[in-house]
Amino acid sequence: RAFAKGLYHFVRRNIPVNEDCEEIVQEIFESLWAQRQKLDIRSTLEGYLVGMARHKVIRYFRKSVLKRKYRDHFLLFNAVYNEVEKPAQSDHAAMQLALDKLISELPDRCREALRLRLSENLSNRDIARRMNINTRTVESYMFTAFNHIRASYRKYVANAG
């Protein structure tokens, strides 16, 4: 009790937040109590406590600088993510619509083979069995479908840019 008020004022000169000052003073006395068995004070108790307070204040500023950096980094990341995410979602939806339109332009059997490849991840052999056709025919369908999509995508990108 004799030193609490003086420590509080010492800490308060450096730290503007009352609660943080009180917490630091509390931590000083908790640490003092926890270390009471092995304390080796070579100066006055007041000098020892002021030294502890000085170290706690320095640690407080290091933490607050680090917290501020993390907060600023998080705010920046959040802002960038939100800006990037919005167009990406709308671009993804637009591209999905364009892809669906391109696939709908394919011949029926070619479209069915492509759908089996994309939605069910089937191999050419499995698609051939499922559709009752030759594996070479499936390869031809895939070649046709991907060439159509590639060519149309180039036109889409050229028109968008």
C-alpha atoms as a PDB file:
ATOM      1  CA  ARG A   1       0.000   0.000   0.000  1.00  0.00           C
ATOM      2  CA  ALA A   2       2.847   2.371   0.742  1.00  0.00           C
ATOM      3  CA  PHE A   3       4.227   2.125  -2.806  1.00  0.00           C
ATOM      4  CA  ALA A   4       1.085   1.493  -4.886  1.00  0.00           C
ATOM      5  CA  LYS A   5       0.089   5.126  -5.350  1.00  0.00           C
ATOM      6  CA  GLY A   6       3.616   6.227  -6.311  1.00  0.00           C
ATOM      7  CA  LEU A   7       3.962   3.332  -8.802  1.00  0.00           C
ATOM      8  CA  TYR A   8       0.588   4.144 -10.294  1.00  0.00           C
ATOM      9  CA  HIS A   9       1.625   7.793 -10.871  1.00  0.00           C
ATOM     10  CA  PHE A  10       4.959   6.689 -12.334  1.00  0.00           C
ATOM     11  CA  VAL A  11       3.207   4.358 -14.763  1.00  0.00           C
ATOM     12  CA  ARG A  12       0.463   6.903 -15.478  1.00  0.00           C
ATOM     13  CA  ARG A  13       3.012   9.463 -16.711  1.00  0.00           C
ATOM     14  CA  ASN A  14       3.831   7.085 -19.559  1.00  0.00           C
ATOM     15  CA  ILE A  15       0.552   5.300 -20.214  1.00  0.00           C
ATOM     16  CA  PRO A  16      -2.670   7.265 -20.744  1.00  0.00           C
ATOM     17  CA  VAL A  17      -5.171   4.461 -20.033  1.00  0.00           C
ATOM     18  CA  ASN A  18      -6.175   4.204 -16.355  1.00  0.00           C
ATOM     19  CA  GLU A  19      -7.108   0.526 -16.516  1.00  0.00           C
ATOM     20  CA  ASP A  20      -3.812  -0.406 -18.114  1.00  0.00           C
ATOM     21  CA  CYS A  21      -1.898   1.507 -15.409  1.00  0.00           C
ATOM     22  CA  GLU A  22      -3.830  -0.251 -12.652  1.00  0.00           C
ATOM     23  CA  GLU A  23      -3.219  -3.591 -14.303  1.00  0.00           C
ATOM     24  CA  ILE A  24       0.514  -2.960 -14.545  1.00  0.00           C
ATOM     25  CA  VAL A  25       0.743  -1.988 -10.874  1.00  0.00           C
ATOM     26  CA  GLN A  26      -1.253  -5.099  -9.986  1.00  0.00           C
ATOM     27  CA  GLU A  27       1.102  -7.261 -12.079  1.00  0.00           C
ATOM     28  CA  ILE A  28       4.100  -5.734 -10.302  1.00  0.00           C
ATOM     29  CA  PHE A  29       2.763  -6.689  -6.879  1.00  0.00           C
ATOM     30  CA  GLU A  30       1.662 -10.138  -8.076  1.00  0.00           C
ATOM     31  CA  SER A  31       5.136 -10.758  -9.472  1.00  0.00           C
ATOM     32  CA  LEU A  32       6.726  -9.480  -6.276  1.00  0.00           C
ATOM     33  CA  TRP A  33       4.562 -11.850  -4.228  1.00  0.00           C
ATOM     34  CA  ALA A  34       5.234 -14.820  -6.500  1.00  0.00           C
ATOM     35  CA  GLN A  35       9.008 -14.229  -6.296  1.00  0.00           C
ATOM     36  CA  ARG A  36       9.083 -13.388  -2.565  1.00  0.00           C
ATOM     37  CA  GLN A  37      11.082 -16.509  -1.606  1.00  0.00           C
ATOM     38  CA  LYS A  38      13.958 -15.853  -3.971  1.00  0.00           C
ATOM     39  CA  LEU A  39      14.044 -12.051  -4.093  1.00  0.00           C
ATOM     40  CA  ASP A  40      17.465 -10.485  -3.777  1.00  0.00           C
ATOM     41  CA  ILE A  41      16.900  -6.739  -3.618  1.00  0.00           C
ATOM     42  CA  ARG A  42      20.224  -4.880  -3.674  1.00  0.00           C
ATOM     43  CA  SER A  43      18.701  -1.394  -3.510  1.00  0.00           C
ATOM     44  CA  THR A  44      15.674   0.019  -1.758  1.00  0.00           C
ATOM     45  CA  LEU A  45      12.312  -1.671  -2.261  1.00  0.00           C
ATOM     46  CA  GLU A  46      11.011   1.502  -3.868  1.00  0.00           C
ATOM     47  CA  GLY A  47      13.880   1.533  -6.388  1.00  0.00           C
ATOM     48  CA  TYR A  48      13.298  -2.141  -7.138  1.00  0.00           C
ATOM     49  CA  LEU A  49       9.566  -1.550  -7.734  1.00  0.00           C
ATOM     50  CA  VAL A  50      10.217   1.472  -9.944  1.00  0.00           C
ATOM     51  CA  GLY A  51      12.642  -0.657 -11.990  1.00  0.00           C
ATOM     52  CA  MET A  52       9.943  -3.305 -12.375  1.00  0.00           C
ATOM     53  CA  ALA A  53       7.468  -0.601 -13.384  1.00  0.00           C
ATOM     54  CA  ARG A  54       9.893   0.730 -15.994  1.00  0.00           C
ATOM     55  CA  HIS A  55      10.293  -2.729 -17.517  1.00  0.00           C
ATOM     56  CA  LYS A  56       6.519  -3.291 -17.491  1.00  0.00           C
ATOM     57  CA  VAL A  57       5.958   0.048 -19.247  1.00  0.00           C
ATOM     58  CA  ILE A  58       8.537  -0.832 -21.900  1.00  0.00           C
ATOM     59  CA  ARG A  59       6.910  -4.245 -22.380  1.00  0.00           C
ATOM     60  CA  TYR A  60       3.507  -2.533 -22.595  1.00  0.00           C
ATOM     61  CA  PHE A  61       4.695  -0.285 -25.429  1.00  0.00           C
ATOM     62  CA  ARG A  62       6.289  -3.175 -27.273  1.00  0.00           C
ATOM     63  CA  LYS A  63       3.024  -5.104 -27.040  1.00  0.00           C
ATOM     64  CA  SER A  64       0.930  -2.103 -28.041  1.00  0.00           C
ATOM     65  CA  VAL A  65       3.140  -1.449 -31.087  1.00  0.00           C
ATOM     66  CA  LEU A  66       2.843  -5.101 -32.046  1.00  0.00           C
ATOM     67  CA  LYS A  67      -0.924  -5.079 -31.494  1.00  0.00           C
ATOM     68  CA  ARG A  68      -1.220  -1.941 -33.590  1.00  0.00           C
ATOM     69  CA  LYS A  69       0.813  -3.555 -36.379  1.00  0.00           C
ATOM     70  CA  TYR A  70      -1.373  -6.654 -36.284  1.00  0.00           C
ATOM     71  CA  ARG A  71      -4.532  -4.554 -36.216  1.00  0.00           C
ATOM     72  CA  ASP A  72      -3.366  -2.378 -39.120  1.00  0.00           C
ATOM     73  CA  HIS A  73      -2.269  -5.451 -41.050  1.00  0.00           C
ATOM     74  CA  PHE A  74      -5.600  -7.132 -40.400  1.00  0.00           C
ATOM     75  CA  LEU A  75      -7.563  -4.041 -41.452  1.00  0.00           C
ATOM     76  CA  LEU A  76      -5.494  -3.739 -44.618  1.00  0.00           C
ATOM     77  CA  PHE A  77      -5.847  -7.443 -45.361  1.00  0.00           C
ATOM     78  CA  ASN A  78      -9.585  -7.298 -44.713  1.00  0.00           C
ATOM     79  CA  ALA A  79     -10.031  -4.273 -46.996  1.00  0.00           C
ATOM     80  CA  VAL A  80      -7.971  -5.824 -49.794  1.00  0.00           C
ATOM     81  CA  TYR A  81      -9.690  -9.193 -49.414  1.00  0.00           C
ATOM     82  CA  ASN A  82     -13.143  -7.610 -49.552  1.00  0.00           C
ATOM     83  CA  GLU A  83     -12.220  -5.598 -52.645  1.00  0.00           C
ATOM     84  CA  VAL A  84     -10.715  -8.616 -54.378  1.00  0.00           C
ATOM     85  CA  GLU A  85     -13.420 -11.043 -53.272  1.00  0.00           C
ATOM     86  CA  LYS A  86     -16.406  -9.043 -54.563  1.00  0.00           C
ATOM     87  CA  PRO A  87     -15.274  -8.841 -58.181  1.00  0.00           C
ATOM     88  CA  ALA A  88     -13.923 -12.399 -58.031  1.00  0.00           C
ATOM     89  CA  GLN A  89     -17.316 -13.718 -56.969  1.00  0.00           C
ATOM     90  CA  SER A  90     -19.144 -11.775 -59.654  1.00  0.00           C
ATOM     91  CA  ASP A  91     -16.470 -12.680 -62.252  1.00  0.00           C
ATOM     92  CA  HIS A  92     -16.757 -16.327 -61.251  1.00  0.00           C
ATOM     93  CA  ALA A  93     -20.537 -16.233 -61.638  1.00  0.00           C
ATOM     94  CA  ALA A  94     -20.242 -14.473 -65.009  1.00  0.00           C
ATOM     95  CA  MET A  95     -17.648 -16.976 -66.194  1.00  0.00           C
ATOM     96  CA  GLN A  96     -19.819 -19.874 -65.046  1.00  0.00           C
ATOM     97  CA  LEU A  97     -22.750 -18.471 -67.027  1.00  0.00           C
ATOM     98  CA  ALA A  98     -20.543 -18.001 -70.086  1.00  0.00           C
ATOM     99  CA  LEU A  99     -19.193 -21.540 -69.729  1.00  0.00           C
ATOM    100  CA  ASP A 100     -22.707 -22.961 -69.378  1.00  0.00           C
ATOM    101  CA  LYS A 101     -23.739 -21.072 -72.525  1.00  0.00           C
ATOM    102  CA  LEU A 102     -20.728 -22.416 -74.447  1.00  0.00           C
ATOM    103  CA  ILE A 103     -21.422 -25.963 -73.329  1.00  0.00           C
ATOM    104  CA  SER A 104     -25.069 -25.636 -74.363  1.00  0.00           C
ATOM    105  CA  GLU A 105     -23.895 -24.784 -77.908  1.00  0.00           C
ATOM    106  CA  LEU A 106     -22.223 -28.199 -78.275  1.00  0.00           C
ATOM    107  CA  PRO A 107     -23.930 -31.117 -80.020  1.00  0.00           C
ATOM    108  CA  ASP A 108     -25.997 -33.293 -77.654  1.00  0.00           C
ATOM    109  CA  ARG A 109     -23.697 -36.337 -77.487  1.00  0.00           C
ATOM    110  CA  CYS A 110     -20.580 -34.157 -77.186  1.00  0.00           C
ATOM    111  CA  ARG A 111     -22.252 -32.125 -74.418  1.00  0.00           C
ATOM    112  CA  GLU A 112     -23.225 -35.337 -72.589  1.00  0.00           C
ATOM    113  CA  ALA A 113     -19.653 -36.662 -72.743  1.00  0.00           C
ATOM    114  CA  LEU A 114     -18.279 -33.379 -71.438  1.00  0.00           C
ATOM    115  CA  ARG A 115     -20.844 -33.311 -68.640  1.00  0.00           C
ATOM    116  CA  LEU A 116     -19.776 -36.815 -67.549  1.00  0.00           C
ATOM    117  CA  ARG A 117     -16.138 -35.711 -67.580  1.00  0.00           C
ATOM    118  CA  LEU A 118     -16.719 -32.492 -65.622  1.00  0.00           C
ATOM    119  CA  SER A 119     -19.448 -33.450 -63.181  1.00  0.00           C
ATOM    120  CA  GLU A 120     -18.623 -37.098 -62.501  1.00  0.00           C
ATOM    121  CA  ASN A 121     -14.887 -36.983 -63.310  1.00  0.00           C
ATOM    122  CA  LEU A 122     -15.091 -40.087 -65.473  1.00  0.00           C
ATOM    123  CA  SER A 123     -12.273 -41.300 -67.712  1.00  0.00           C
ATOM    124  CA  ASN A 124     -12.698 -41.580 -71.480  1.00  0.00           C
ATOM    125  CA  ARG A 125     -13.098 -45.354 -71.117  1.00  0.00           C
ATOM    126  CA  ASP A 126     -15.837 -44.961 -68.466  1.00  0.00           C
ATOM    127  CA  ILE A 127     -17.637 -42.355 -70.558  1.00  0.00           C
ATOM    128  CA  ALA A 128     -17.461 -44.679 -73.578  1.00  0.00           C
ATOM    129  CA  ARG A 129     -18.978 -47.543 -71.567  1.00  0.00           C
ATOM    130  CA  ARG A 130     -21.705 -45.338 -70.105  1.00  0.00           C
ATOM    131  CA  MET A 131     -22.657 -43.867 -73.516  1.00  0.00           C
ATOM    132  CA  ASN A 132     -22.169 -47.156 -75.417  1.00  0.00           C
ATOM    133  CA  ILE A 133     -19.645 -45.672 -77.827  1.00  0.00           C
ATOM    134  CA  ASN A 134     -16.003 -46.158 -78.785  1.00  0.00           C
ATOM    135  CA  THR A 135     -13.227 -44.579 -76.680  1.00  0.00           C
ATOM    136  CA  ARG A 136     -11.920 -42.817 -79.806  1.00  0.00           C
ATOM    137  CA  THR A 137     -15.320 -41.184 -80.211  1.00  0.00           C
ATOM    138  CA  VAL A 138     -15.153 -39.885 -76.654  1.00  0.00           C
ATOM    139  CA  GLU A 139     -11.695 -38.478 -77.371  1.00  0.00           C
ATOM    140  CA  SER A 140     -13.087 -36.772 -80.449  1.00  0.00           C
ATOM    141  CA  TYR A 141     -15.961 -35.301 -78.396  1.00  0.00           C
ATOM    142  CA  MET A 142     -13.517 -33.976 -75.806  1.00  0.00           C
ATOM    143  CA  PHE A 143     -11.311 -32.508 -78.529  1.00  0.00           C
ATOM    144  CA  THR A 144     -14.314 -30.784 -80.110  1.00  0.00           C
ATOM    145  CA  ALA A 145     -15.684 -29.522 -76.790  1.00  0.00           C
ATOM    146  CA  PHE A 146     -12.399 -28.107 -75.505  1.00  0.00           C
ATOM    147  CA  ASN A 147     -11.540 -26.488 -78.839  1.00  0.00           C
ATOM    148  CA  HIS A 148     -14.976 -24.833 -78.923  1.00  0.00           C
ATOM    149  CA  ILE A 149     -14.605 -23.586 -75.340  1.00  0.00           C
ATOM    150  CA  ARG A 150     -11.023 -22.384 -75.926  1.00  0.00           C
ATOM    151  CA  ALA A 151     -11.905 -20.465 -79.092  1.00  0.00           C
ATOM    152  CA  SER A 152     -15.001 -18.918 -77.550  1.00  0.00           C
ATOM    153  CA  TYR A 153     -13.141 -18.043 -74.365  1.00  0.00           C
ATOM    154  CA  ARG A 154     -10.531 -16.144 -76.383  1.00  0.00           C
ATOM    155  CA  LYS A 155     -13.341 -14.127 -77.999  1.00  0.00           C
ATOM    156  CA  TYR A 156     -14.921 -13.544 -74.576  1.00  0.00           C
ATOM    157  CA  VAL A 157     -11.643 -12.278 -73.095  1.00  0.00           C
ATOM    158  CA  ALA A 158     -10.962 -10.082 -76.137  1.00  0.00           C
ATOM    159  CA  ASN A 159     -14.428  -8.514 -75.863  1.00  0.00           C
ATOM    160  CA  ALA A 160     -14.188  -8.063 -72.082  1.00  0.00           C
ATOM    161  CA  GLY A 161     -10.739  -6.447 -72.207  1.00  0.00           C
END
